[in-house]
Amino acid sequence: MTFEPGEVVTLKSGGQPMTVVSADEEHIDCVWIGEQGQLFRESIPAAALIAVAADDDDAEDEADEVDDEVDEDDESDDDTPKRKRKVA
């Protein structure tokens, strides 16, 4: 499997998510932040890594935040949102 710079990976055995910095056929240079905030960089054999699936929950959370916002034009002076009328 080939990895691209910027891709998020983890060890097959588990551990911290890591970001690929550079890659060749056999070795992947990765960086990650440790639990104490220290930055680590290591060359890891490609056979030991798997790609982390994109977290679709983040995209959904962002969409929910936009939906939850009330447009100022839809509010009355007493901060009560106006109800939208259904159009037949």
N, C-alpha and C. Protein backbone atom coordinates (compact mmCIF):
# COMPACT_ATOMS: atom_id res chain seq x y z
N MET A 1 0.84 -1.18 0.00
CA MET A 1 0.00 0.00 0.00
C MET A 1 0.88 1.24 0.00
N THR A 2 0.51 2.23 -0.77
CA THR A 2 1.27 3.47 -0.80
C THR A 2 0.55 4.53 0.02
N PHE A 3 1.33 5.36 0.66
CA PHE A 3 0.79 6.44 1.48
C PHE A 3 1.25 7.77 0.89
N GLU A 4 0.42 8.78 1.02
CA GLU A 4 0.71 10.11 0.49
C GLU A 4 0.96 11.10 1.62
N PRO A 5 1.84 12.09 1.42
CA PRO A 5 2.04 13.12 2.44
C PRO A 5 0.70 13.78 2.80
N GLY A 6 0.50 13.98 4.10
CA GLY A 6 -0.73 14.57 4.59
C GLY A 6 -1.77 13.55 5.01
N GLU A 7 -1.59 12.30 4.60
CA GLU A 7 -2.53 11.24 4.96
C GLU A 7 -2.35 10.87 6.44
N VAL A 8 -3.43 10.53 7.11
CA VAL A 8 -3.38 10.12 8.51
C VAL A 8 -3.32 8.60 8.56
N VAL A 9 -2.36 8.10 9.34
CA VAL A 9 -2.15 6.65 9.47
C VAL A 9 -2.02 6.31 10.95
N THR A 10 -2.06 5.02 11.22
CA THR A 10 -1.78 4.52 12.56
C THR A 10 -1.10 3.17 12.44
N LEU A 11 -0.47 2.73 13.50
CA LEU A 11 0.13 1.40 13.50
C LEU A 11 -0.99 0.37 13.44
N LYS A 12 -0.76 -0.72 12.77
CA LYS A 12 -1.74 -1.80 12.70
C LYS A 12 -2.07 -2.31 14.09
N SER A 13 -1.12 -2.22 15.00
CA SER A 13 -1.31 -2.68 16.37
C SER A 13 -2.00 -1.64 17.25
N GLY A 14 -2.29 -0.46 16.69
CA GLY A 14 -2.95 0.61 17.45
C GLY A 14 -1.99 1.73 17.78
N GLY A 15 -2.48 2.72 18.49
CA GLY A 15 -1.63 3.83 18.90
C GLY A 15 -2.15 5.17 18.40
N GLN A 16 -1.30 6.17 18.48
CA GLN A 16 -1.64 7.54 18.10
C GLN A 16 -1.86 7.66 16.60
N PRO A 17 -2.79 8.51 16.17
CA PRO A 17 -2.85 8.85 14.75
C PRO A 17 -1.59 9.64 14.38
N MET A 18 -1.06 9.38 13.21
CA MET A 18 0.17 10.04 12.75
C MET A 18 -0.08 10.61 11.36
N THR A 19 0.64 11.67 11.02
CA THR A 19 0.53 12.28 9.70
C THR A 19 1.75 11.92 8.88
N VAL A 20 1.51 11.45 7.66
CA VAL A 20 2.60 11.10 6.76
C VAL A 20 3.27 12.39 6.26
N VAL A 21 4.60 12.44 6.39
CA VAL A 21 5.37 13.59 5.92
C VAL A 21 5.97 13.28 4.55
N SER A 22 6.52 12.08 4.42
CA SER A 22 7.07 11.62 3.15
C SER A 22 7.01 10.10 3.13
N ALA A 23 7.06 9.55 1.91
CA ALA A 23 6.92 8.10 1.80
C ALA A 23 7.66 7.59 0.58
N ASP A 24 8.24 6.38 0.73
CA ASP A 24 8.72 5.63 -0.42
C ASP A 24 8.07 4.26 -0.33
N GLU A 25 8.51 3.31 -1.10
CA GLU A 25 7.86 1.99 -1.13
C GLU A 25 7.87 1.27 0.22
N GLU A 26 8.96 1.43 0.98
CA GLU A 26 9.11 0.63 2.18
C GLU A 26 9.05 1.41 3.49
N HIS A 27 9.39 2.70 3.48
CA HIS A 27 9.44 3.47 4.72
C HIS A 27 8.58 4.72 4.61
N ILE A 28 7.87 4.98 5.69
CA ILE A 28 6.97 6.13 5.76
C ILE A 28 7.46 7.02 6.90
N ASP A 29 7.77 8.29 6.59
CA ASP A 29 8.15 9.24 7.63
C ASP A 29 6.87 9.87 8.17
N CYS A 30 6.67 9.73 9.49
CA CYS A 30 5.45 10.20 10.13
C CYS A 30 5.77 11.18 11.26
N VAL A 31 4.84 12.08 11.53
CA VAL A 31 4.93 12.96 12.69
C VAL A 31 3.64 12.82 13.49
N TRP A 32 3.75 13.03 14.81
CA TRP A 32 2.58 13.02 15.68
C TRP A 32 2.91 13.76 16.96
N ILE A 33 1.86 14.12 17.68
CA ILE A 33 2.00 14.83 18.95
C ILE A 33 1.79 13.82 20.08
N GLY A 34 2.73 13.77 21.01
CA GLY A 34 2.62 12.87 22.15
C GLY A 34 1.65 13.40 23.19
N GLU A 35 1.40 12.59 24.20
CA GLU A 35 0.44 12.95 25.25
C GLU A 35 0.86 14.19 26.03
N GLN A 36 2.14 14.46 26.11
CA GLN A 36 2.64 15.63 26.83
C GLN A 36 2.84 16.84 25.91
N GLY A 37 2.41 16.73 24.64
CA GLY A 37 2.52 17.84 23.70
C GLY A 37 3.83 17.87 22.92
N GLN A 38 4.67 16.87 23.10
CA GLN A 38 5.94 16.83 22.38
C GLN A 38 5.72 16.32 20.95
N LEU A 39 6.50 16.83 20.02
CA LEU A 39 6.41 16.44 18.62
C LEU A 39 7.39 15.30 18.34
N PHE A 40 6.88 14.25 17.71
CA PHE A 40 7.70 13.10 17.35
C PHE A 40 7.75 12.97 15.84
N ARG A 41 8.88 12.47 15.33
CA ARG A 41 9.03 12.16 13.91
C ARG A 41 9.80 10.85 13.82
N GLU A 42 9.27 9.91 13.03
CA GLU A 42 9.89 8.60 12.94
C GLU A 42 9.65 8.01 11.56
N SER A 43 10.63 7.23 11.06
CA SER A 43 10.47 6.47 9.84
C SER A 43 9.96 5.08 10.24
N ILE A 44 8.82 4.68 9.67
CA ILE A 44 8.16 3.44 10.05
C ILE A 44 7.98 2.58 8.80
N PRO A 45 8.22 1.28 8.90
CA PRO A 45 7.99 0.42 7.74
C PRO A 45 6.53 0.46 7.28
N ALA A 46 6.33 0.54 5.99
CA ALA A 46 4.97 0.65 5.43
C ALA A 46 4.11 -0.54 5.84
N ALA A 47 4.70 -1.72 6.01
CA ALA A 47 3.95 -2.91 6.38
C ALA A 47 3.31 -2.80 7.76
N ALA A 48 3.79 -1.89 8.59
CA ALA A 48 3.27 -1.74 9.95
C ALA A 48 2.15 -0.72 10.07
N LEU A 49 1.80 -0.04 8.95
CA LEU A 49 0.83 1.05 9.01
C LEU A 49 -0.46 0.75 8.24
N ILE A 50 -1.53 1.36 8.69
CA ILE A 50 -2.79 1.37 7.95
C ILE A 50 -3.31 2.80 7.91
N ALA A 51 -4.04 3.12 6.86
CA ALA A 51 -4.63 4.45 6.74
C ALA A 51 -5.82 4.56 7.68
N VAL A 52 -5.99 5.73 8.26
CA VAL A 52 -7.13 6.00 9.13
C VAL A 52 -8.25 6.55 8.24
N ALA A 53 -9.43 5.97 8.35
CA ALA A 53 -10.57 6.44 7.57
C ALA A 53 -10.91 7.87 7.95
N ALA A 54 -11.31 8.65 6.94
CA ALA A 54 -11.71 10.03 7.20
C ALA A 54 -12.88 10.01 8.17
N ASP A 55 -12.87 10.92 9.13
CA ASP A 55 -13.92 10.97 10.15
C ASP A 55 -15.09 11.78 9.63
N ASP A 56 -16.12 11.09 9.13
CA ASP A 56 -17.30 11.76 8.59
C ASP A 56 -18.09 12.46 9.67
N ASP A 57 -17.90 12.08 10.95
CA ASP A 57 -18.61 12.73 12.04
C ASP A 57 -18.25 14.20 12.13
N ASP A 58 -16.98 14.56 11.83
CA ASP A 58 -16.56 15.96 11.87
C ASP A 58 -17.35 16.78 10.86
N ALA A 59 -17.50 16.26 9.65
CA ALA A 59 -18.24 16.96 8.62
C ALA A 59 -19.70 17.11 9.03
N GLU A 60 -20.27 16.06 9.62
CA GLU A 60 -21.65 16.12 10.06
C GLU A 60 -21.81 17.11 11.20
N ASP A 61 -20.85 17.15 12.15
CA ASP A 61 -20.92 18.09 13.26
C ASP A 61 -20.90 19.53 12.76
N GLU A 62 -20.04 19.82 11.77
CA GLU A 62 -19.97 21.17 11.21
C GLU A 62 -21.29 21.54 10.55
N ALA A 63 -21.91 20.60 9.84
CA ALA A 63 -23.19 20.87 9.19
C ALA A 63 -24.27 21.12 10.24
N ASP A 64 -24.25 20.37 11.34
CA ASP A 64 -25.22 20.56 12.41
C ASP A 64 -25.07 21.94 13.04
N GLU A 65 -23.83 22.40 13.22
CA GLU A 65 -23.60 23.72 13.80
C GLU A 65 -24.20 24.81 12.92
N VAL A 66 -24.05 24.69 11.62
CA VAL A 66 -24.61 25.67 10.70
C VAL A 66 -26.13 25.63 10.78
N ASP A 67 -26.73 24.45 10.85
CA ASP A 67 -28.18 24.31 10.95
C ASP A 67 -28.71 24.89 12.25
N ASP A 68 -27.94 24.80 13.33
CA ASP A 68 -28.38 25.28 14.63
C ASP A 68 -28.34 26.80 14.75
N GLU A 69 -27.55 27.45 13.92
CA GLU A 69 -27.46 28.90 13.98
C GLU A 69 -28.75 29.52 13.47
N VAL A 70 -29.19 30.58 14.15
CA VAL A 70 -30.40 31.28 13.74
C VAL A 70 -29.98 32.57 13.05
N ASP A 71 -30.51 32.79 11.87
CA ASP A 71 -30.20 33.99 11.12
C ASP A 71 -30.78 35.19 11.85
N GLU A 72 -30.01 36.26 11.99
CA GLU A 72 -30.47 37.44 12.71
C GLU A 72 -31.73 38.03 12.10
N ASP A 73 -31.92 37.89 10.80
CA ASP A 73 -33.10 38.42 10.15
C ASP A 73 -34.36 37.68 10.59
N ASP A 74 -34.21 36.47 11.11
CA ASP A 74 -35.35 35.66 11.52
C ASP A 74 -35.71 35.87 12.98
N GLU A 75 -35.04 36.78 13.68
CA GLU A 75 -35.32 37.00 15.08
C GLU A 75 -36.08 38.30 15.27
N SER A 76 -37.01 38.28 16.24
CA SER A 76 -37.72 39.51 16.58
C SER A 76 -36.92 40.27 17.61
N ASP A 77 -37.42 41.42 18.04
CA ASP A 77 -36.70 42.24 19.01
C ASP A 77 -36.53 41.55 20.36
N ASP A 78 -37.43 40.61 20.70
CA ASP A 78 -37.33 39.96 22.00
C ASP A 78 -36.50 38.67 21.93
N ASP A 79 -35.73 38.49 20.87
CA ASP A 79 -34.84 37.34 20.67
C ASP A 79 -35.57 36.01 20.52
N THR A 80 -36.87 36.05 20.22
CA THR A 80 -37.62 34.83 19.95
C THR A 80 -37.59 34.58 18.46
N PRO A 81 -37.10 33.41 18.04
CA PRO A 81 -37.05 33.14 16.59
C PRO A 81 -38.45 33.12 16.00
N LYS A 82 -38.57 33.69 14.81
CA LYS A 82 -39.84 33.66 14.11
C LYS A 82 -40.00 32.29 13.46
N ARG A 83 -41.23 31.84 13.35
CA ARG A 83 -41.52 30.57 12.69
C ARG A 83 -41.64 30.82 11.20
N LYS A 84 -41.09 29.91 10.43
CA LYS A 84 -41.20 30.02 8.98
C LYS A 84 -42.52 29.42 8.56
N ARG A 85 -43.17 30.06 7.59
CA ARG A 85 -44.43 29.57 7.08
C ARG A 85 -44.18 28.59 5.94
N LYS A 86 -45.00 27.54 5.91
CA LYS A 86 -44.91 26.59 4.82
C LYS A 86 -45.63 27.17 3.63
N VAL A 87 -45.05 27.05 2.47
CA VAL A 87 -45.67 27.55 1.25
C VAL A 87 -46.18 26.33 0.47
N ALA A 88 -47.47 26.40 0.12
CA ALA A 88 -48.07 25.24 -0.56
C ALA A 88 -47.73 25.24 -2.01
